Amino acid sequence: MYPKTQVQLCIVHQIRNSLKYIASKDQKEFMKDLKKVYKAVTKDVAEDELLNLEEKWGSKYPVVIESWQRNWEQLSQYFQYTEPIKKIFYTTNAVEGFHRQIRKITKTKRSLHQ
C-alpha cells in the first residue's frame, strides 16, 4: 500500500532481547562492543562494528549475532537521518507512550455505534 515505507525496529527492544541471552558476567563488555554498532556515525561504520562484534562474540552467542544480522536492514534505517532525527527513531518508546495515552482514553469510551 505504501511502497516507499521504511521500517525502523526499536534498537532498545533489540538490545533488551539480546541481553537475555548474554551471561551476566559478559554483559558489560558485550554492551561496550555493541554500543559501537548502534552509536556509530554512519551505517558503514556500524556494519564494520557489527562484523567486529561477530568476530569477538559470534562463537559464544551466535543467536544474538544472528538476530542483529537478520534484522539489520530494519535496525539501521535511522543512519540515513540527522542526529536529532536519529534520537527520535532510536526507540519506539515515544510512539508506544502516545498509543498508551490514546488507548487509555478510547478504552473508557463507548462506541458511537452501540
C-alpha atoms as a PDB file:
ATOM      1  CA  MET A   1       0.000   0.000   0.000  1.00  0.00           C
ATOM      2  CA  TYR A   2       2.865   2.390   0.838  1.00  0.00           C
ATOM      3  CA  PRO A   3       5.785   1.176  -1.287  1.00  0.00           C
ATOM      4  CA  LYS A   4       8.247   3.793   0.000  1.00  0.00           C
ATOM      5  CA  THR A   5       7.648   2.938   3.649  1.00  0.00           C
ATOM      6  CA  GLN A   6      10.765   2.385   5.708  1.00  0.00           C
ATOM      7  CA  VAL A   7      10.567   0.254   8.823  1.00  0.00           C
ATOM      8  CA  GLN A   8      12.805   1.084  11.760  1.00  0.00           C
ATOM      9  CA  LEU A   9      12.833  -1.501  14.519  1.00  0.00           C
ATOM     10  CA  CYS A  10      13.421  -0.289  18.051  1.00  0.00           C
ATOM     11  CA  ILE A  11      17.097  -0.515  18.995  1.00  0.00           C
ATOM     12  CA  VAL A  12      16.247  -0.569  22.709  1.00  0.00           C
ATOM     13  CA  HIS A  13      13.999  -3.605  22.262  1.00  0.00           C
ATOM     14  CA  GLN A  14      16.679  -5.359  20.193  1.00  0.00           C
ATOM     15  CA  ILE A  15      19.258  -4.685  22.915  1.00  0.00           C
ATOM     16  CA  ARG A  16      16.945  -5.944  25.668  1.00  0.00           C
ATOM     17  CA  ASN A  17      16.196  -9.069  23.683  1.00  0.00           C
ATOM     18  CA  SER A  18      19.926  -9.629  23.097  1.00  0.00           C
ATOM     19  CA  LEU A  19      20.836  -9.256  26.759  1.00  0.00           C
ATOM     20  CA  LYS A  20      18.502 -12.110  27.695  1.00  0.00           C
ATOM     21  CA  TYR A  21      20.984 -14.453  26.011  1.00  0.00           C
ATOM     22  CA  ILE A  22      24.221 -12.916  27.329  1.00  0.00           C
ATOM     23  CA  ALA A  23      25.692 -14.256  30.547  1.00  0.00           C
ATOM     24  CA  SER A  24      25.698 -11.607  33.270  1.00  0.00           C
ATOM     25  CA  LYS A  25      29.490 -11.750  33.552  1.00  0.00           C
ATOM     26  CA  ASP A  26      29.764 -10.799  29.835  1.00  0.00           C
ATOM     27  CA  GLN A  27      27.030  -8.180  29.635  1.00  0.00           C
ATOM     28  CA  LYS A  28      29.131  -5.115  30.459  1.00  0.00           C
ATOM     29  CA  GLU A  29      31.839  -5.941  27.924  1.00  0.00           C
ATOM     30  CA  PHE A  30      29.317  -7.064  25.305  1.00  0.00           C
ATOM     31  CA  MET A  31      27.357  -3.818  25.681  1.00  0.00           C
ATOM     32  CA  LYS A  32      30.549  -1.784  25.299  1.00  0.00           C
ATOM     33  CA  ASP A  33      31.160  -3.536  21.974  1.00  0.00           C
ATOM     34  CA  LEU A  34      27.514  -3.402  20.888  1.00  0.00           C
ATOM     35  CA  LYS A  35      27.318   0.334  21.575  1.00  0.00           C
ATOM     36  CA  LYS A  36      29.936   0.814  18.843  1.00  0.00           C
ATOM     37  CA  VAL A  37      27.404  -0.672  16.419  1.00  0.00           C
ATOM     38  CA  TYR A  38      24.276   1.314  17.197  1.00  0.00           C
ATOM     39  CA  LYS A  39      26.062   4.561  18.156  1.00  0.00           C
ATOM     40  CA  ALA A  40      28.220   4.610  15.016  1.00  0.00           C
ATOM     41  CA  VAL A  41      28.286   7.811  12.974  1.00  0.00           C
ATOM     42  CA  THR A  42      27.405   6.086   9.691  1.00  0.00           C
ATOM     43  CA  LYS A  43      25.826   2.840   8.592  1.00  0.00           C
ATOM     44  CA  ASP A  44      29.124   1.716   7.026  1.00  0.00           C
ATOM     45  CA  VAL A  45      30.971   2.167  10.319  1.00  0.00           C
ATOM     46  CA  ALA A  46      28.130   0.379  12.120  1.00  0.00           C
ATOM     47  CA  GLU A  47      28.385  -2.568   9.730  1.00  0.00           C
ATOM     48  CA  ASP A  48      32.142  -2.781  10.331  1.00  0.00           C
ATOM     49  CA  GLU A  49      31.497  -2.778  14.072  1.00  0.00           C
ATOM     50  CA  LEU A  50      28.832  -5.458  13.648  1.00  0.00           C
ATOM     51  CA  LEU A  51      31.448  -7.618  11.922  1.00  0.00           C
ATOM     52  CA  ASN A  52      33.843  -6.957  14.837  1.00  0.00           C
ATOM     53  CA  LEU A  53      31.077  -7.939  17.244  1.00  0.00           C
ATOM     54  CA  GLU A  54      30.555 -11.172  15.337  1.00  0.00           C
ATOM     55  CA  GLU A  55      34.284 -11.967  15.370  1.00  0.00           C
ATOM     56  CA  LYS A  56      34.532 -11.449  19.115  1.00  0.00           C
ATOM     57  CA  TRP A  57      31.200 -12.835  20.340  1.00  0.00           C
ATOM     58  CA  GLY A  58      29.777 -14.887  17.465  1.00  0.00           C
ATOM     59  CA  SER A  59      31.011 -18.269  18.638  1.00  0.00           C
ATOM     60  CA  LYS A  60      29.831 -17.683  22.217  1.00  0.00           C
ATOM     61  CA  TYR A  61      26.495 -16.002  21.417  1.00  0.00           C
ATOM     62  CA  PRO A  62      25.524 -16.963  17.859  1.00  0.00           C
ATOM     63  CA  VAL A  63      21.775 -16.452  18.451  1.00  0.00           C
ATOM     64  CA  VAL A  64      22.335 -12.816  19.421  1.00  0.00           C
ATOM     65  CA  ILE A  65      24.596 -12.042  16.465  1.00  0.00           C
ATOM     66  CA  GLU A  66      22.208 -13.796  14.050  1.00  0.00           C
ATOM     67  CA  SER A  67      19.343 -11.690  15.368  1.00  0.00           C
ATOM     68  CA  TRP A  68      21.239  -8.449  14.721  1.00  0.00           C
ATOM     69  CA  GLN A  69      22.244  -9.604  11.248  1.00  0.00           C
ATOM     70  CA  ARG A  70      18.775 -10.856  10.349  1.00  0.00           C
ATOM     71  CA  ASN A  71      17.136  -7.602  11.475  1.00  0.00           C
ATOM     72  CA  TRP A  72      19.924  -5.286  10.350  1.00  0.00           C
ATOM     73  CA  GLU A  73      18.104  -3.565   7.473  1.00  0.00           C
ATOM     74  CA  GLN A  74      15.218  -2.671   9.759  1.00  0.00           C
ATOM     75  CA  LEU A  75      17.501  -1.766  12.657  1.00  0.00           C
ATOM     76  CA  SER A  76      19.728   0.523  10.607  1.00  0.00           C
ATOM     77  CA  GLN A  77      17.279   2.787   8.777  1.00  0.00           C
ATOM     78  CA  TYR A  78      17.947   5.643  11.186  1.00  0.00           C
ATOM     79  CA  PHE A  79      21.539   6.075   9.968  1.00  0.00           C
ATOM     80  CA  GLN A  80      20.300   7.981   6.927  1.00  0.00           C
ATOM     81  CA  TYR A  81      18.957  10.806   9.091  1.00  0.00           C
ATOM     82  CA  THR A  82      20.498  13.683  11.026  1.00  0.00           C
ATOM     83  CA  GLU A  83      21.353  13.287  14.700  1.00  0.00           C
ATOM     84  CA  PRO A  84      18.178  14.923  16.108  1.00  0.00           C
ATOM     85  CA  ILE A  85      16.007  12.648  13.935  1.00  0.00           C
ATOM     86  CA  LYS A  86      18.096   9.595  14.888  1.00  0.00           C
ATOM     87  CA  LYS A  87      17.295  10.223  18.547  1.00  0.00           C
ATOM     88  CA  ILE A  88      13.589  10.046  17.772  1.00  0.00           C
ATOM     89  CA  PHE A  89      13.923   6.866  15.685  1.00  0.00           C
ATOM     90  CA  TYR A  90      16.310   5.197  18.096  1.00  0.00           C
ATOM     91  CA  THR A  91      13.469   3.902  20.234  1.00  0.00           C
ATOM     92  CA  THR A  92       9.756   3.407  19.800  1.00  0.00           C
ATOM     93  CA  ASN A  93       9.091   4.448  23.415  1.00  0.00           C
ATOM     94  CA  ALA A  94       7.632   7.835  22.387  1.00  0.00           C
ATOM     95  CA  VAL A  95       5.278   6.156  19.924  1.00  0.00           C
ATOM     96  CA  GLU A  96       4.332   3.499  22.463  1.00  0.00           C
ATOM     97  CA  GLY A  97       3.660   6.175  25.073  1.00  0.00           C
ATOM     98  CA  PHE A  98       1.403   8.043  22.672  1.00  0.00           C
ATOM     99  CA  HIS A  99      -0.510   4.856  21.831  1.00  0.00           C
ATOM    100  CA  ARG A 100      -0.867   4.072  25.545  1.00  0.00           C
ATOM    101  CA  GLN A 101      -2.443   7.502  26.107  1.00  0.00           C
ATOM    102  CA  ILE A 102      -4.844   7.021  23.182  1.00  0.00           C
ATOM    103  CA  ARG A 103      -5.838   3.545  24.441  1.00  0.00           C
ATOM    104  CA  LYS A 104      -6.438   4.920  27.934  1.00  0.00           C
ATOM    105  CA  ILE A 105      -8.895   7.468  26.547  1.00  0.00           C
ATOM    106  CA  THR A 106     -10.605   5.269  23.959  1.00  0.00           C
ATOM    107  CA  LYS A 107     -10.851   2.230  26.227  1.00  0.00           C
ATOM    108  CA  THR A 108     -13.251   4.013  28.560  1.00  0.00           C
ATOM    109  CA  LYS A 109     -15.432   5.474  25.807  1.00  0.00           C
ATOM    110  CA  ARG A 110     -18.428   3.636  24.425  1.00  0.00           C
ATOM    111  CA  SER A 111     -18.701   3.190  20.699  1.00  0.00           C
ATOM    112  CA  LEU A 112     -20.964   5.591  18.850  1.00  0.00           C
ATOM    113  CA  HIS A 113     -22.464   2.603  17.045  1.00  0.00           C
ATOM    114  CA  GLN A 114     -23.917   0.938  20.153  1.00  0.00           C
END
